[in-house]
C-alpha atoms as a PDB file:
ATOM      1  CA  MET A   1     113.690  84.286 118.271  1.00  0.00           C
ATOM      2  CA  GLU A   2     114.661  86.921 115.684  1.00  0.00           C
ATOM      3  CA  ASN A   3     118.464  87.567 115.216  1.00  0.00           C
ATOM      4  CA  LYS A   4     118.647  91.150 116.556  1.00  0.00           C
ATOM      5  CA  THR A   5     122.299  91.588 115.647  1.00  0.00           C
ATOM      6  CA  ARG A   6     121.709  90.618 112.029  1.00  0.00           C
ATOM      7  CA  LEU A   7     118.536  92.912 111.850  1.00  0.00           C
ATOM      8  CA  TYR A   8     120.250  95.786 113.231  1.00  0.00           C
ATOM      9  CA  GLY A   9     123.136  95.271 110.924  1.00  0.00           C
ATOM     10  CA  MET A  10     121.009  94.997 107.892  1.00  0.00           C
ATOM     11  CA  LEU A  11     118.882  97.960 108.702  1.00  0.00           C
ATOM     12  CA  GLY A  12     122.236 100.013 108.962  1.00  0.00           C
ATOM     13  CA  PHE A  13     123.474  98.809 105.879  1.00  0.00           C
ATOM     14  CA  ALA A  14     120.148  99.627 104.116  1.00  0.00           C
ATOM     15  CA  MET A  15     120.014 103.143 105.592  1.00  0.00           C
ATOM     16  CA  ARG A  16     123.684 103.803 104.491  1.00  0.00           C
ATOM     17  CA  ALA A  17     122.752 102.524 101.037  1.00  0.00           C
ATOM     18  CA  GLY A  18     119.988 104.979 100.696  1.00  0.00           C
ATOM     19  CA  LYS A  19     117.231 102.191 100.505  1.00  0.00           C
ATOM     20  CA  VAL A  20     115.167 103.047 103.607  1.00  0.00           C
ATOM     21  CA  VAL A  21     112.109 105.228 103.523  1.00  0.00           C
ATOM     22  CA  ILE A  22     111.168 106.849 106.911  1.00  0.00           C
ATOM     23  CA  GLY A  23     107.832 107.996 108.075  1.00  0.00           C
ATOM     24  CA  ALA A  24     104.262 106.861 107.195  1.00  0.00           C
ATOM     25  CA  GLU A  25     103.456 109.331 104.782  1.00  0.00           C
ATOM     26  CA  GLN A  26     106.502 108.705 102.842  1.00  0.00           C
ATOM     27  CA  VAL A  27     106.139 105.031 103.032  1.00  0.00           C
ATOM     28  CA  ILE A  28     102.548 105.379 101.668  1.00  0.00           C
ATOM     29  CA  SER A  29     103.653 107.657  98.941  1.00  0.00           C
ATOM     30  CA  ARG A  30     106.367 105.078  97.902  1.00  0.00           C
ATOM     31  CA  LEU A  31     103.880 102.226  98.056  1.00  0.00           C
ATOM     32  CA  LYS A  32     101.799 104.136  95.439  1.00  0.00           C
ATOM     33  CA  ASP A  33     104.977 104.301  93.177  1.00  0.00           C
ATOM     34  CA  ASN A  34     105.613 100.494  93.718  1.00  0.00           C
ATOM     35  CA  ALA A  35     108.998 101.167  95.075  1.00  0.00           C
ATOM     36  CA  VAL A  36     108.559  99.416  98.431  1.00  0.00           C
ATOM     37  CA  ARG A  37     109.718  95.820  98.990  1.00  0.00           C
ATOM     38  CA  LEU A  38     109.022  95.451 102.718  1.00  0.00           C
ATOM     39  CA  VAL A  39     107.386  97.733 105.322  1.00  0.00           C
ATOM     40  CA  LEU A  40     108.460  97.577 109.024  1.00  0.00           C
ATOM     41  CA  LEU A  41     106.206  98.788 111.929  1.00  0.00           C
ATOM     42  CA  SER A  42     107.853  99.535 115.206  1.00  0.00           C
ATOM     43  CA  VAL A  43     106.362  97.913 118.272  1.00  0.00           C
ATOM     44  CA  GLY A  44     105.617 101.419 119.437  1.00  0.00           C
ATOM     45  CA  ALA A  45     103.529 102.517 116.613  1.00  0.00           C
ATOM     46  CA  SER A  46     100.006 103.488 117.225  1.00  0.00           C
ATOM     47  CA  GLU A  47      96.992 101.174 116.513  1.00  0.00           C
ATOM     48  CA  GLN A  48      95.743 103.675 113.908  1.00  0.00           C
ATOM     49  CA  THR A  49      99.210 103.556 112.189  1.00  0.00           C
ATOM     50  CA  LYS A  50      99.342  99.931 112.265  1.00  0.00           C
ATOM     51  CA  LYS A  51      95.837  99.510 110.913  1.00  0.00           C
ATOM     52  CA  ARG A  52      96.455 102.162 108.132  1.00  0.00           C
ATOM     53  CA  LEU A  53      99.799 100.766 106.895  1.00  0.00           C
ATOM     54  CA  THR A  54      98.502  97.179 107.129  1.00  0.00           C
ATOM     55  CA  TYR A  55      95.497  98.180 104.958  1.00  0.00           C
ATOM     56  CA  LYS A  56      97.725 100.068 102.428  1.00  0.00           C
ATOM     57  CA  CYS A  57     100.211  96.972 102.277  1.00  0.00           C
ATOM     58  CA  GLU A  58      97.257  94.647 101.760  1.00  0.00           C
ATOM     59  CA  PHE A  59      95.932  96.900  98.928  1.00  0.00           C
ATOM     60  CA  TYR A  60      99.414  97.172  97.248  1.00  0.00           C
ATOM     61  CA  LYS A  61     100.245  93.495  98.013  1.00  0.00           C
ATOM     62  CA  LYS A  62     103.461  94.320  99.870  1.00  0.00           C
ATOM     63  CA  GLU A  63     104.853  92.526 102.751  1.00  0.00           C
ATOM     64  CA  ILE A  64     104.622  94.206 106.464  1.00  0.00           C
ATOM     65  CA  ARG A  65     106.202  93.100 109.425  1.00  0.00           C
ATOM     66  CA  GLU A  66     106.080  94.276 113.121  1.00  0.00           C
ATOM     67  CA  ILE A  67     109.582  94.366 114.564  1.00  0.00           C
ATOM     68  CA  ASN A  68     110.261  94.177 118.200  1.00  0.00           C
ATOM     69  CA  ILE A  69     112.115  97.670 118.460  1.00  0.00           C
ATOM     70  CA  GLN A  70     110.650 100.905 120.136  1.00  0.00           C
ATOM     71  CA  THR A  71     110.432 103.883 117.871  1.00  0.00           C
ATOM     72  CA  ALA A  72     113.126 105.847 119.674  1.00  0.00           C
ATOM     73  CA  GLU A  73     115.576 102.766 119.344  1.00  0.00           C
ATOM     74  CA  LEU A  74     114.630 102.545 115.618  1.00  0.00           C
ATOM     75  CA  GLY A  75     115.673 106.265 115.241  1.00  0.00           C
ATOM     76  CA  ARG A  76     118.933 105.826 116.867  1.00  0.00           C
ATOM     77  CA  LEU A  77     119.628 102.738 114.626  1.00  0.00           C
ATOM     78  CA  LEU A  78     118.853 104.900 111.517  1.00  0.00           C
ATOM     79  CA  GLY A  79     121.095 107.848 112.788  1.00  0.00           C
ATOM     80  CA  LYS A  80     117.910 110.038 113.292  1.00  0.00           C
ATOM     81  CA  LEU A  81     116.980 112.449 116.021  1.00  0.00           C
ATOM     82  CA  TYR A  82     113.317 111.555 115.939  1.00  0.00           C
ATOM     83  CA  ALA A  83     111.468 108.393 116.516  1.00  0.00           C
ATOM     84  CA  PRO A  84     109.904 106.834 113.326  1.00  0.00           C
ATOM     85  CA  ALA A  85     107.072 104.411 113.789  1.00  0.00           C
ATOM     86  CA  VAL A  86     107.390 102.951 110.300  1.00  0.00           C
ATOM     87  CA  ILE A  87     109.897 102.338 107.718  1.00  0.00           C
ATOM     88  CA  ALA A  88     110.166 100.888 104.276  1.00  0.00           C
ATOM     89  CA  ILE A  89     112.990  98.936 102.461  1.00  0.00           C
ATOM     90  CA  THR A  90     113.079  99.575  98.794  1.00  0.00           C
ATOM     91  CA  ASP A  91     115.728  96.986  97.774  1.00  0.00           C
ATOM     92  CA  GLU A  92     114.738  93.464  97.283  1.00  0.00           C
ATOM     93  CA  GLY A  93     118.035  92.098  98.436  1.00  0.00           C
ATOM     94  CA  PHE A  94     117.978  93.982 101.831  1.00  0.00           C
ATOM     95  CA  ALA A  95     114.294  93.236 102.225  1.00  0.00           C
ATOM     96  CA  LYS A  96     115.057  89.303 101.813  1.00  0.00           C
ATOM     97  CA  GLU A  97     117.904  89.537 104.371  1.00  0.00           C
ATOM     98  CA  ILE A  98     115.706  91.446 106.905  1.00  0.00           C
ATOM     99  CA  VAL A  99     112.949  88.925 106.638  1.00  0.00           C
ATOM    100  CA  LYS A 100     115.499  86.234 107.085  1.00  0.00           C
ATOM    101  CA  ALA A 101     116.591  88.024 110.362  1.00  0.00           C
ATOM    102  CA  LEU A 102     113.092  88.187 111.634  1.00  0.00           C
ATOM    103  CA  SER A 103     112.314  84.488 111.215  1.00  0.00           C
ATOM    104  CA  PRO A 104     111.994  82.318 114.344  1.00  0.00           C
ATOM    105  CA  GLU A 105     114.593  80.037 112.941  1.00  0.00           C
ATOM    106  CA  SER A 106     117.123  82.540 112.315  1.00  0.00           C
ATOM    107  CA  PRO A 107     120.518  81.492 113.915  1.00  0.00           C
END
């Protein structure tokens, strides 16, 4: 099971460090610029959004993960009043730590 406390903490740190891109269009734009290290899809994202972002990540050879966080909760974690379905991490270090927190063997 993923380590939610660690995941939430890393998302908060990344947001405060300015290493998070929020929203599908912005994420796609940064994918094209090769600025993205990891894409995270909320469990509440629409099937169309999931399909589109999965295709884009495969095309640009970037890792994509679905996280077990609803869009409204993701918005609150990031300090936003809206509910983003997709975010991207632009820093390699934060991306690695988030992937570790998402791994099933995470403590």
